[in-house]
């Protein structure tokens, strides 16, 4: 508990360290200390059922839901800065993109199943600077697929960590990075 209290004190201190760096360190701490509980939740039938049902939602259904509910949502533009920073770094890393694409469930080729051309477009940062959010009618289904891939990759990473021998700390540390990657995507 002392670690969490220390984090919160540093995070709210205006003269303290960069909040992005603090969140990054705290995310790593949470994964390292809570991965067993996270794994137990990711293997429950309700988690699998949620992913199954999310995967069954069609492009038309996501677009319709977006049109119906978007105006009632709070303004998300202020939150897009962190997401844009993360996505800019992410889409420049082909290994990370490959890891995400291979996590997307489907019977077709994973690469064609998770085509996020609008999210990869260079105009995303320009749109943000003009005051637009990157979540719009064009990108809502891509975000939906990105969410599914991140949830599946997160569960796969936790499963792999769970099967890695405790006697091999180097291998276990390497297994935490994919979990960190997917957790960062989900938390952005």
N, C-alpha and C. Protein backbone atom coordinates (compact mmCIF):
# COMPACT_ATOMS: atom_id res chain seq x y z
N UNK A 1 0.82 -1.19 0.00
CA UNK A 1 0.00 0.00 0.00
C UNK A 1 0.87 1.26 0.00
N UNK A 2 2.03 1.18 0.58
CA UNK A 2 2.92 2.34 0.61
C UNK A 2 3.33 2.75 -0.80
N UNK A 3 3.49 1.78 -1.71
CA UNK A 3 3.87 2.08 -3.09
C UNK A 3 2.77 2.87 -3.79
N UNK A 4 1.52 2.47 -3.58
CA UNK A 4 0.39 3.16 -4.20
C UNK A 4 0.28 4.57 -3.65
N UNK A 5 0.44 4.72 -2.35
CA UNK A 5 0.36 6.05 -1.72
C UNK A 5 1.48 6.95 -2.25
N UNK A 6 2.66 6.42 -2.38
CA UNK A 6 3.79 7.19 -2.92
C UNK A 6 3.51 7.62 -4.36
N UNK A 7 2.97 6.72 -5.16
CA UNK A 7 2.62 7.05 -6.54
C UNK A 7 1.60 8.19 -6.58
N UNK A 8 0.54 8.07 -5.80
CA UNK A 8 -0.51 9.09 -5.81
C UNK A 8 0.03 10.46 -5.38
N UNK A 9 0.89 10.47 -4.37
CA UNK A 9 1.48 11.74 -3.92
C UNK A 9 2.34 12.37 -5.01
N UNK A 10 3.14 11.56 -5.70
CA UNK A 10 3.98 12.08 -6.78
C UNK A 10 3.14 12.50 -7.98
N UNK A 11 2.08 11.76 -8.26
CA UNK A 11 1.26 12.02 -9.43
C UNK A 11 0.52 13.36 -9.30
N UNK A 12 0.06 13.68 -8.10
CA UNK A 12 -0.70 14.92 -7.94
C UNK A 12 0.19 16.12 -7.62
N UNK A 13 1.47 15.90 -7.41
CA UNK A 13 2.41 16.99 -7.16
C UNK A 13 2.70 17.73 -8.47
N UNK A 14 2.30 19.01 -8.59
CA UNK A 14 2.50 19.74 -9.86
C UNK A 14 3.97 19.97 -10.20
N UNK A 15 4.84 19.95 -9.22
CA UNK A 15 6.27 20.17 -9.46
C UNK A 15 7.04 18.86 -9.59
N UNK A 16 6.32 17.75 -9.53
CA UNK A 16 6.96 16.44 -9.56
C UNK A 16 7.28 15.96 -10.96
N UNK A 17 7.49 14.67 -11.04
CA UNK A 17 7.90 14.03 -12.29
C UNK A 17 6.77 14.07 -13.33
N UNK A 18 7.13 13.75 -14.54
CA UNK A 18 6.20 13.68 -15.65
C UNK A 18 5.11 12.65 -15.34
N UNK A 19 3.84 13.02 -15.49
CA UNK A 19 2.75 12.11 -15.16
C UNK A 19 2.70 10.90 -16.09
N UNK A 20 3.09 11.07 -17.34
CA UNK A 20 3.13 9.93 -18.26
C UNK A 20 4.13 8.89 -17.76
N UNK A 21 5.30 9.34 -17.34
CA UNK A 21 6.33 8.42 -16.84
C UNK A 21 5.86 7.73 -15.56
N UNK A 22 5.17 8.47 -14.70
CA UNK A 22 4.65 7.87 -13.48
C UNK A 22 3.58 6.82 -13.78
N UNK A 23 2.68 7.11 -14.72
CA UNK A 23 1.66 6.14 -15.09
C UNK A 23 2.28 4.89 -15.70
N UNK A 24 3.32 5.09 -16.49
CA UNK A 24 4.03 3.97 -17.09
C UNK A 24 4.62 3.07 -16.01
N UNK A 25 5.29 3.67 -15.04
CA UNK A 25 5.88 2.89 -13.95
C UNK A 25 4.80 2.22 -13.10
N UNK A 26 3.70 2.91 -12.86
CA UNK A 26 2.63 2.34 -12.06
C UNK A 26 1.95 1.18 -12.79
N UNK A 27 1.78 1.30 -14.09
CA UNK A 27 1.21 0.23 -14.90
C UNK A 27 2.08 -1.03 -14.80
N UNK A 28 3.39 -0.85 -14.87
CA UNK A 28 4.31 -1.99 -14.75
C UNK A 28 4.21 -2.62 -13.35
N UNK A 29 4.11 -1.77 -12.35
CA UNK A 29 3.97 -2.26 -10.97
C UNK A 29 2.68 -3.07 -10.82
N UNK A 30 1.57 -2.56 -11.35
CA UNK A 30 0.30 -3.27 -11.24
C UNK A 30 0.35 -4.63 -11.93
N UNK A 31 0.95 -4.67 -13.10
CA UNK A 31 1.04 -5.94 -13.82
C UNK A 31 1.90 -6.93 -13.04
N UNK A 32 3.05 -6.47 -12.56
CA UNK A 32 3.97 -7.36 -11.84
C UNK A 32 3.35 -7.89 -10.55
N UNK A 33 2.55 -7.05 -9.88
CA UNK A 33 2.01 -7.49 -8.59
C UNK A 33 0.62 -8.12 -8.69
N UNK A 34 -0.10 -7.89 -9.77
CA UNK A 34 -1.48 -8.38 -9.86
C UNK A 34 -1.75 -9.34 -11.00
N UNK A 35 -0.71 -9.81 -11.68
CA UNK A 35 -0.94 -10.61 -12.88
C UNK A 35 -1.71 -11.90 -12.60
N UNK A 36 -1.54 -12.50 -11.43
CA UNK A 36 -2.25 -13.75 -11.13
C UNK A 36 -3.77 -13.51 -11.09
N UNK A 37 -4.16 -12.44 -10.45
CA UNK A 37 -5.60 -12.12 -10.38
C UNK A 37 -6.12 -11.74 -11.76
N UNK A 38 -5.32 -11.00 -12.53
CA UNK A 38 -5.71 -10.64 -13.88
C UNK A 38 -5.88 -11.90 -14.73
N UNK A 39 -4.96 -12.85 -14.57
CA UNK A 39 -5.05 -14.11 -15.32
C UNK A 39 -6.30 -14.89 -14.93
N UNK A 40 -6.59 -14.97 -13.64
CA UNK A 40 -7.77 -15.73 -13.21
C UNK A 40 -9.05 -15.13 -13.79
N UNK A 41 -9.07 -13.84 -13.94
CA UNK A 41 -10.26 -13.21 -14.55
C UNK A 41 -10.31 -13.43 -16.05
N UNK A 42 -9.15 -13.51 -16.69
CA UNK A 42 -9.14 -13.66 -18.15
C UNK A 42 -9.48 -15.08 -18.61
N UNK A 43 -9.48 -16.04 -17.69
CA UNK A 43 -9.83 -17.41 -18.08
C UNK A 43 -11.26 -17.78 -17.67
N UNK A 44 -11.98 -16.85 -17.11
CA UNK A 44 -13.37 -17.13 -16.73
C UNK A 44 -14.25 -17.17 -17.97
N UNK A 45 -15.32 -17.92 -17.90
CA UNK A 45 -16.23 -18.07 -19.02
C UNK A 45 -16.84 -16.73 -19.42
N UNK A 46 -17.06 -15.85 -18.45
CA UNK A 46 -17.68 -14.56 -18.77
C UNK A 46 -16.76 -13.70 -19.65
N UNK A 47 -15.45 -13.80 -19.44
CA UNK A 47 -14.48 -13.06 -20.26
C UNK A 47 -14.51 -13.59 -21.69
N UNK A 48 -14.49 -14.91 -21.84
CA UNK A 48 -14.56 -15.52 -23.16
C UNK A 48 -15.88 -15.20 -23.85
N UNK A 49 -16.95 -15.24 -23.09
CA UNK A 49 -18.27 -14.91 -23.65
C UNK A 49 -18.34 -13.47 -24.11
N UNK A 50 -17.75 -12.56 -23.34
CA UNK A 50 -17.74 -11.15 -23.73
C UNK A 50 -17.00 -10.97 -25.05
N UNK A 51 -15.82 -11.60 -25.19
CA UNK A 51 -15.05 -11.48 -26.42
C UNK A 51 -15.83 -12.10 -27.59
N UNK A 52 -16.44 -13.24 -27.36
CA UNK A 52 -17.24 -13.88 -28.41
C UNK A 52 -18.34 -12.93 -28.90
N UNK A 53 -19.08 -12.36 -27.98
CA UNK A 53 -20.19 -11.48 -28.36
C UNK A 53 -19.70 -10.18 -28.99
N UNK A 54 -18.60 -9.65 -28.52
CA UNK A 54 -18.03 -8.46 -29.17
C UNK A 54 -17.64 -8.78 -30.61
N UNK A 55 -17.11 -9.99 -30.83
CA UNK A 55 -16.67 -10.39 -32.16
C UNK A 55 -17.87 -10.58 -33.11
N UNK A 56 -19.03 -10.88 -32.56
CA UNK A 56 -20.22 -11.10 -33.38
C UNK A 56 -20.89 -9.80 -33.85
N UNK A 57 -20.51 -8.69 -33.28
CA UNK A 57 -21.13 -7.40 -33.65
C UNK A 57 -20.62 -6.98 -35.02
N UNK A 58 -21.53 -6.64 -35.91
CA UNK A 58 -21.17 -6.29 -37.28
C UNK A 58 -20.76 -4.82 -37.40
N UNK A 59 -20.16 -4.52 -38.52
CA UNK A 59 -19.75 -3.14 -38.84
C UNK A 59 -20.98 -2.22 -38.78
N UNK A 60 -22.08 -2.66 -39.38
CA UNK A 60 -23.29 -1.84 -39.41
C UNK A 60 -23.82 -1.59 -37.99
N UNK A 61 -23.76 -2.60 -37.12
CA UNK A 61 -24.25 -2.43 -35.75
C UNK A 61 -23.39 -1.45 -34.96
N UNK A 62 -22.06 -1.52 -35.15
CA UNK A 62 -21.18 -0.59 -34.45
C UNK A 62 -21.42 0.84 -34.94
N UNK A 63 -21.54 1.00 -36.25
CA UNK A 63 -21.77 2.33 -36.82
C UNK A 63 -23.11 2.90 -36.36
N UNK A 64 -24.14 2.06 -36.32
CA UNK A 64 -25.45 2.50 -35.85
C UNK A 64 -25.39 2.91 -34.38
N UNK A 65 -24.73 2.11 -33.56
CA UNK A 65 -24.58 2.44 -32.14
C UNK A 65 -23.80 3.74 -31.96
N UNK A 66 -22.77 3.92 -32.79
CA UNK A 66 -22.01 5.17 -32.73
C UNK A 66 -22.91 6.36 -33.02
N UNK A 67 -23.67 6.28 -34.11
CA UNK A 67 -24.55 7.38 -34.50
C UNK A 67 -25.59 7.67 -33.43
N UNK A 68 -26.09 6.64 -32.80
CA UNK A 68 -27.14 6.79 -31.79
C UNK A 68 -26.62 7.39 -30.48
N UNK A 69 -25.39 7.02 -30.07
CA UNK A 69 -24.91 7.38 -28.74
C UNK A 69 -23.79 8.42 -28.71
N UNK A 70 -23.19 8.73 -29.82
CA UNK A 70 -22.01 9.59 -29.79
C UNK A 70 -22.31 10.96 -29.22
N UNK A 71 -23.41 11.57 -29.60
CA UNK A 71 -23.72 12.92 -29.10
C UNK A 71 -23.99 12.95 -27.61
N UNK A 72 -24.43 11.82 -27.04
CA UNK A 72 -24.70 11.78 -25.61
C UNK A 72 -23.45 11.53 -24.76
N UNK A 73 -22.35 11.19 -25.42
CA UNK A 73 -21.10 10.95 -24.69
C UNK A 73 -20.43 12.28 -24.38
N UNK A 74 -19.63 12.28 -23.35
CA UNK A 74 -18.88 13.49 -23.01
C UNK A 74 -17.79 13.71 -24.04
N UNK A 75 -17.31 14.91 -24.12
CA UNK A 75 -16.26 15.28 -25.07
C UNK A 75 -14.99 14.51 -24.75
N UNK A 76 -14.45 13.78 -25.74
CA UNK A 76 -13.27 12.94 -25.52
C UNK A 76 -12.00 13.55 -26.08
N UNK A 77 -12.09 14.72 -26.66
CA UNK A 77 -10.91 15.31 -27.32
C UNK A 77 -9.75 15.46 -26.35
N UNK A 78 -10.04 15.86 -25.12
CA UNK A 78 -8.94 16.06 -24.17
C UNK A 78 -8.22 14.76 -23.83
N UNK A 79 -8.89 13.63 -23.96
CA UNK A 79 -8.27 12.34 -23.66
C UNK A 79 -7.54 11.75 -24.86
N UNK A 80 -7.72 12.31 -26.03
CA UNK A 80 -7.11 11.74 -27.23
C UNK A 80 -5.61 11.99 -27.31
N UNK A 81 -5.07 12.93 -26.56
CA UNK A 81 -3.64 13.22 -26.62
C UNK A 81 -2.80 12.02 -26.25
N UNK A 82 -3.11 11.38 -25.13
CA UNK A 82 -2.37 10.20 -24.69
C UNK A 82 -2.55 9.06 -25.69
N UNK A 83 -3.78 8.87 -26.16
CA UNK A 83 -4.04 7.82 -27.12
C UNK A 83 -3.28 8.07 -28.42
N UNK A 84 -3.26 9.31 -28.89
CA UNK A 84 -2.52 9.63 -30.11
C UNK A 84 -1.03 9.40 -29.94
N UNK A 85 -0.48 9.81 -28.79
CA UNK A 85 0.94 9.56 -28.52
C UNK A 85 1.23 8.07 -28.56
N UNK A 86 0.39 7.30 -27.88
CA UNK A 86 0.60 5.86 -27.81
C UNK A 86 0.47 5.23 -29.18
N UNK A 87 -0.57 5.62 -29.93
CA UNK A 87 -0.79 5.02 -31.25
C UNK A 87 0.31 5.40 -32.23
N UNK A 88 0.84 6.61 -32.12
CA UNK A 88 1.94 7.01 -32.99
C UNK A 88 3.15 6.12 -32.78
N UNK A 89 3.48 5.86 -31.53
CA UNK A 89 4.59 4.96 -31.20
C UNK A 89 4.27 3.54 -31.62
N UNK A 90 3.06 3.10 -31.34
CA UNK A 90 2.65 1.74 -31.64
C UNK A 90 2.70 1.43 -33.13
N UNK A 91 2.12 2.27 -33.96
CA UNK A 91 2.03 1.98 -35.38
C UNK A 91 3.38 2.11 -36.09
N UNK A 92 4.36 2.69 -35.45
CA UNK A 92 5.72 2.72 -36.00
C UNK A 92 6.49 1.44 -35.69
N UNK A 93 5.97 0.61 -34.80
CA UNK A 93 6.62 -0.62 -34.37
C UNK A 93 5.92 -1.81 -35.05
N UNK A 94 6.51 -2.31 -36.13
CA UNK A 94 5.87 -3.39 -36.89
C UNK A 94 5.71 -4.67 -36.08
N UNK A 95 6.63 -4.93 -35.14
CA UNK A 95 6.50 -6.12 -34.30
C UNK A 95 5.26 -6.00 -33.42
N UNK A 96 5.03 -4.81 -32.88
CA UNK A 96 3.85 -4.58 -32.05
C UNK A 96 2.58 -4.71 -32.88
N UNK A 97 2.58 -4.17 -34.08
CA UNK A 97 1.43 -4.28 -34.97
C UNK A 97 1.17 -5.75 -35.29
N UNK A 98 2.23 -6.51 -35.58
CA UNK A 98 2.07 -7.93 -35.87
C UNK A 98 1.50 -8.70 -34.69
N UNK A 99 1.94 -8.35 -33.49
CA UNK A 99 1.44 -9.00 -32.29
C UNK A 99 -0.05 -8.72 -32.12
N UNK A 100 -0.45 -7.50 -32.36
CA UNK A 100 -1.85 -7.13 -32.24
C UNK A 100 -2.69 -7.83 -33.31
N UNK A 101 -2.21 -7.81 -34.54
CA UNK A 101 -2.95 -8.42 -35.64
C UNK A 101 -3.12 -9.92 -35.41
N UNK A 102 -2.09 -10.58 -34.92
CA UNK A 102 -2.19 -12.02 -34.70
C UNK A 102 -3.13 -12.35 -33.54
N UNK A 103 -3.46 -11.36 -32.72
CA UNK A 103 -4.37 -11.59 -31.60
C UNK A 103 -5.83 -11.47 -32.01
N UNK A 104 -6.09 -10.92 -33.19
CA UNK A 104 -7.48 -10.74 -33.59
C UNK A 104 -8.08 -12.07 -34.00
N UNK A 105 -9.20 -12.48 -33.38
CA UNK A 105 -9.80 -13.77 -33.72
C UNK A 105 -10.54 -13.69 -35.04
N UNK A 106 -10.53 -14.77 -35.77
CA UNK A 106 -11.28 -14.83 -37.01
C UNK A 106 -10.85 -16.00 -37.86
N UNK A 107 -11.72 -16.37 -38.77
CA UNK A 107 -11.42 -17.48 -39.65
C UNK A 107 -10.62 -17.04 -40.85
N UNK A 108 -10.69 -15.77 -41.19
CA UNK A 108 -9.92 -15.28 -42.32
C UNK A 108 -8.52 -14.91 -41.88
N UNK A 109 -7.72 -14.49 -42.82
CA UNK A 109 -6.36 -14.08 -42.50
C UNK A 109 -6.40 -12.96 -41.46
N UNK A 110 -5.64 -13.09 -40.37
CA UNK A 110 -5.69 -12.07 -39.33
C UNK A 110 -5.36 -10.67 -39.86
N UNK A 111 -4.47 -10.59 -40.85
CA UNK A 111 -4.09 -9.26 -41.33
C UNK A 111 -5.26 -8.58 -42.00
N UNK A 112 -6.04 -9.32 -42.78
CA UNK A 112 -7.18 -8.68 -43.43
C UNK A 112 -8.31 -8.45 -42.44
N UNK A 113 -8.36 -9.25 -41.38
CA UNK A 113 -9.41 -9.08 -40.39
C UNK A 113 -9.21 -7.82 -39.56
N UNK A 114 -7.98 -7.45 -39.30
CA UNK A 114 -7.72 -6.27 -38.49
C UNK A 114 -7.00 -5.23 -39.35
N UNK A 115 -7.76 -4.60 -40.21
CA UNK A 115 -7.23 -3.56 -41.07
C UNK A 115 -7.61 -2.23 -40.44
N UNK A 116 -6.66 -1.52 -39.93
CA UNK A 116 -6.93 -0.26 -39.24
C UNK A 116 -6.35 0.91 -40.03
N UNK A 117 -6.71 0.98 -41.31
CA UNK A 117 -6.12 1.98 -42.19
C UNK A 117 -6.45 3.41 -41.76
N UNK A 118 -7.63 3.65 -41.22
CA UNK A 118 -7.98 5.01 -40.82
C UNK A 118 -7.24 5.42 -39.55
N UNK A 119 -7.01 4.46 -38.66
CA UNK A 119 -6.27 4.78 -37.44
C UNK A 119 -4.79 4.98 -37.74
N UNK A 120 -4.30 4.34 -38.80
CA UNK A 120 -2.89 4.48 -39.16
C UNK A 120 -2.63 5.72 -40.00
N UNK A 121 -3.67 6.37 -40.45
CA UNK A 121 -3.52 7.50 -41.37
C UNK A 121 -2.74 8.64 -40.71
N UNK A 122 -1.84 9.27 -41.46
CA UNK A 122 -1.06 10.37 -40.89
C UNK A 122 -1.93 11.55 -40.47
N UNK A 123 -3.13 11.65 -41.01
CA UNK A 123 -3.98 12.78 -40.69
C UNK A 123 -4.54 12.75 -39.27
N UNK A 124 -4.34 11.62 -38.54
CA UNK A 124 -4.94 11.53 -37.22
C UNK A 124 -4.44 12.62 -36.28
N UNK A 125 -3.16 12.96 -36.34
CA UNK A 125 -2.66 14.01 -35.45
C UNK A 125 -3.11 15.38 -35.93
N UNK A 126 -3.22 15.57 -37.25
CA UNK A 126 -3.71 16.84 -37.77
C UNK A 126 -5.15 17.07 -37.35
N UNK A 127 -5.95 16.01 -37.40
CA UNK A 127 -7.35 16.13 -37.00
C UNK A 127 -7.45 16.49 -35.52
N UNK A 128 -6.60 15.91 -34.70
CA UNK A 128 -6.63 16.19 -33.28
C UNK A 128 -6.26 17.66 -33.03
N UNK A 129 -5.26 18.16 -33.75
CA UNK A 129 -4.82 19.54 -33.56
C UNK A 129 -5.91 20.52 -33.95
N UNK A 130 -6.76 20.14 -34.89
CA UNK A 130 -7.85 21.01 -35.30
C UNK A 130 -9.03 20.91 -34.34
N UNK A 131 -8.93 20.09 -33.31
CA UNK A 131 -9.98 19.99 -32.32
C UNK A 131 -10.94 18.84 -32.52
N UNK A 132 -10.63 17.91 -33.38
CA UNK A 132 -11.48 16.76 -33.59
C UNK A 132 -10.98 15.59 -32.76
N UNK A 133 -11.86 14.69 -32.45
CA UNK A 133 -11.47 13.46 -31.79
C UNK A 133 -11.11 12.41 -32.85
N UNK A 134 -10.28 11.46 -32.53
CA UNK A 134 -9.95 10.43 -33.51
C UNK A 134 -11.02 9.34 -33.53
N UNK A 135 -11.92 9.37 -32.57
CA UNK A 135 -13.03 8.40 -32.56
C UNK A 135 -14.21 9.04 -33.26
N UNK A 136 -14.47 8.60 -34.46
CA UNK A 136 -15.59 9.13 -35.23
C UNK A 136 -16.26 8.00 -36.00
N UNK A 137 -17.18 8.35 -36.88
CA UNK A 137 -17.93 7.34 -37.63
C UNK A 137 -17.01 6.50 -38.53
N UNK A 138 -15.92 7.10 -39.00
CA UNK A 138 -14.99 6.40 -39.87
C UNK A 138 -14.15 5.38 -39.09
N UNK A 139 -13.80 5.72 -37.86
CA UNK A 139 -12.88 4.88 -37.08
C UNK A 139 -13.55 4.01 -36.03
N UNK A 140 -14.85 4.17 -35.79
CA UNK A 140 -15.48 3.46 -34.67
C UNK A 140 -15.37 1.94 -34.81
N UNK A 141 -15.51 1.39 -36.03
CA UNK A 141 -15.40 -0.06 -36.17
C UNK A 141 -13.95 -0.52 -36.03
N UNK A 142 -13.00 0.30 -36.47
CA UNK A 142 -11.59 -0.03 -36.27
C UNK A 142 -11.25 -0.06 -34.79
N UNK A 143 -11.79 0.88 -34.02
CA UNK A 143 -11.58 0.86 -32.58
C UNK A 143 -12.21 -0.39 -31.97
N UNK A 144 -13.36 -0.78 -32.48
CA UNK A 144 -14.03 -1.99 -31.99
C UNK A 144 -13.14 -3.21 -32.21
N UNK A 145 -12.57 -3.34 -33.40
CA UNK A 145 -11.68 -4.47 -33.70
C UNK A 145 -10.39 -4.38 -32.89
N UNK A 146 -9.90 -3.18 -32.68
CA UNK A 146 -8.69 -2.97 -31.88
C UNK A 146 -8.94 -3.41 -30.44
N UNK A 147 -10.12 -3.10 -29.91
CA UNK A 147 -10.48 -3.52 -28.55
C UNK A 147 -10.49 -5.04 -28.44
N UNK A 148 -11.10 -5.71 -29.39
CA UNK A 148 -11.16 -7.18 -29.36
C UNK A 148 -9.75 -7.77 -29.41
N UNK A 149 -8.94 -7.28 -30.33
CA UNK A 149 -7.57 -7.80 -30.45
C UNK A 149 -6.78 -7.56 -29.17
N UNK A 150 -6.96 -6.40 -28.55
CA UNK A 150 -6.24 -6.10 -27.31
C UNK A 150 -6.69 -7.00 -26.17
N UNK A 151 -7.99 -7.26 -26.06
CA UNK A 151 -8.49 -8.15 -25.01
C UNK A 151 -7.99 -9.58 -25.19
N UNK A 152 -7.98 -10.05 -26.44
CA UNK A 152 -7.49 -11.41 -26.71
C UNK A 152 -5.98 -11.49 -26.46
N UNK A 153 -5.23 -10.51 -26.94
CA UNK A 153 -3.78 -10.51 -26.73
C UNK A 153 -3.41 -10.42 -25.26
N UNK A 154 -4.15 -9.64 -24.51
CA UNK A 154 -3.96 -9.50 -23.07
C UNK A 154 -4.14 -10.85 -22.38
N UNK A 155 -5.23 -11.57 -22.72
CA UNK A 155 -5.49 -12.88 -22.12
C UNK A 155 -4.42 -13.89 -22.52
N UNK A 156 -4.01 -13.87 -23.79
CA UNK A 156 -2.96 -14.79 -24.26
C UNK A 156 -1.64 -14.53 -23.53
N UNK A 157 -1.31 -13.25 -23.34
CA UNK A 157 -0.08 -12.91 -22.63
C UNK A 157 -0.10 -13.39 -21.19
N UNK A 158 -1.24 -13.22 -20.53
CA UNK A 158 -1.37 -13.68 -19.15
C UNK A 158 -1.28 -15.20 -19.06
N UNK A 159 -1.88 -15.88 -20.03
CA UNK A 159 -1.82 -17.35 -20.04
C UNK A 159 -0.38 -17.82 -20.23
N UNK A 160 0.35 -17.17 -21.12
CA UNK A 160 1.74 -17.55 -21.37
C UNK A 160 2.60 -17.29 -20.13
N UNK A 161 2.37 -16.17 -19.46
CA UNK A 161 3.11 -15.87 -18.24
C UNK A 161 2.82 -16.92 -17.17
N UNK A 162 1.58 -17.33 -17.08
CA UNK A 162 1.17 -18.31 -16.08
C UNK A 162 1.85 -19.66 -16.29
N UNK A 163 2.19 -19.99 -17.53
CA UNK A 163 2.83 -21.28 -17.82
C UNK A 163 4.36 -21.18 -17.83
N UNK A 164 4.91 -19.99 -17.66
CA UNK A 164 6.36 -19.83 -17.62
C UNK A 164 6.86 -20.21 -16.22
N UNK A 165 7.88 -21.06 -16.12
CA UNK A 165 8.37 -21.50 -14.80
C UNK A 165 8.83 -20.33 -13.92
N UNK A 166 8.47 -20.40 -12.66
CA UNK A 166 8.87 -19.35 -11.72
C UNK A 166 10.37 -19.32 -11.50
N UNK A 167 11.03 -20.41 -11.74
CA UNK A 167 12.47 -20.49 -11.52
C UNK A 167 13.26 -19.72 -12.59
N UNK A 168 12.60 -19.22 -13.62
CA UNK A 168 13.27 -18.51 -14.70
C UNK A 168 12.80 -17.06 -14.75
N UNK A 169 13.38 -16.19 -13.91
CA UNK A 169 12.91 -14.80 -13.84
C UNK A 169 13.14 -14.01 -15.12
N UNK A 170 14.16 -14.36 -15.90
CA UNK A 170 14.41 -13.65 -17.15
C UNK A 170 13.28 -13.93 -18.15
N UNK A 171 12.88 -15.18 -18.25
CA UNK A 171 11.78 -15.55 -19.14
C UNK A 171 10.47 -14.92 -18.68
N UNK A 172 10.29 -14.89 -17.38
CA UNK A 172 9.05 -14.28 -16.84
C UNK A 172 9.02 -12.79 -17.12
N UNK A 173 10.15 -12.13 -16.99
CA UNK A 173 10.21 -10.69 -17.28
C UNK A 173 9.90 -10.42 -18.75
N UNK A 174 10.39 -11.30 -19.63
CA UNK A 174 10.11 -11.14 -21.06
C UNK A 174 8.63 -11.34 -21.36
N UNK A 175 7.97 -12.20 -20.59
CA UNK A 175 6.54 -12.45 -20.81
C UNK A 175 5.67 -11.29 -20.34
N UNK A 176 6.19 -10.44 -19.49
CA UNK A 176 5.41 -9.31 -19.00
C UNK A 176 5.27 -8.22 -20.06
N UNK A 177 6.23 -8.11 -20.97
CA UNK A 177 6.18 -7.04 -21.97
C UNK A 177 4.94 -7.11 -22.87
N UNK A 178 4.55 -8.28 -23.40
CA UNK A 178 3.31 -8.30 -24.19
C UNK A 178 2.08 -7.90 -23.37
N UNK A 179 2.06 -8.32 -22.11
CA UNK A 179 0.93 -7.94 -21.24
C UNK A 179 0.94 -6.43 -21.05
N UNK A 180 2.11 -5.88 -20.81
CA UNK A 180 2.24 -4.43 -20.66
C UNK A 180 1.76 -3.71 -21.92
N UNK A 181 2.14 -4.23 -23.07
CA UNK A 181 1.76 -3.64 -24.35
C UNK A 181 0.24 -3.58 -24.49
N UNK A 182 -0.43 -4.72 -24.25
CA UNK A 182 -1.88 -4.76 -24.40
C UNK A 182 -2.58 -3.97 -23.30
N UNK A 183 -2.05 -4.01 -22.09
CA UNK A 183 -2.63 -3.22 -21.00
C UNK A 183 -2.51 -1.72 -21.32
N UNK A 184 -1.39 -1.31 -21.89
CA UNK A 184 -1.23 0.10 -22.25
C UNK A 184 -2.24 0.52 -23.29
N UNK A 185 -2.50 -0.35 -24.24
CA UNK A 185 -3.51 -0.06 -25.26
C UNK A 185 -4.89 0.06 -24.63
N UNK A 186 -5.22 -0.85 -23.74
CA UNK A 186 -6.54 -0.82 -23.11
C UNK A 186 -6.70 0.38 -22.18
N UNK A 187 -5.61 0.80 -21.53
CA UNK A 187 -5.69 1.92 -20.60
C UNK A 187 -5.56 3.28 -21.27
N UNK A 188 -5.09 3.31 -22.50
CA UNK A 188 -4.96 4.60 -23.21
C UNK A 188 -6.31 5.05 -23.61
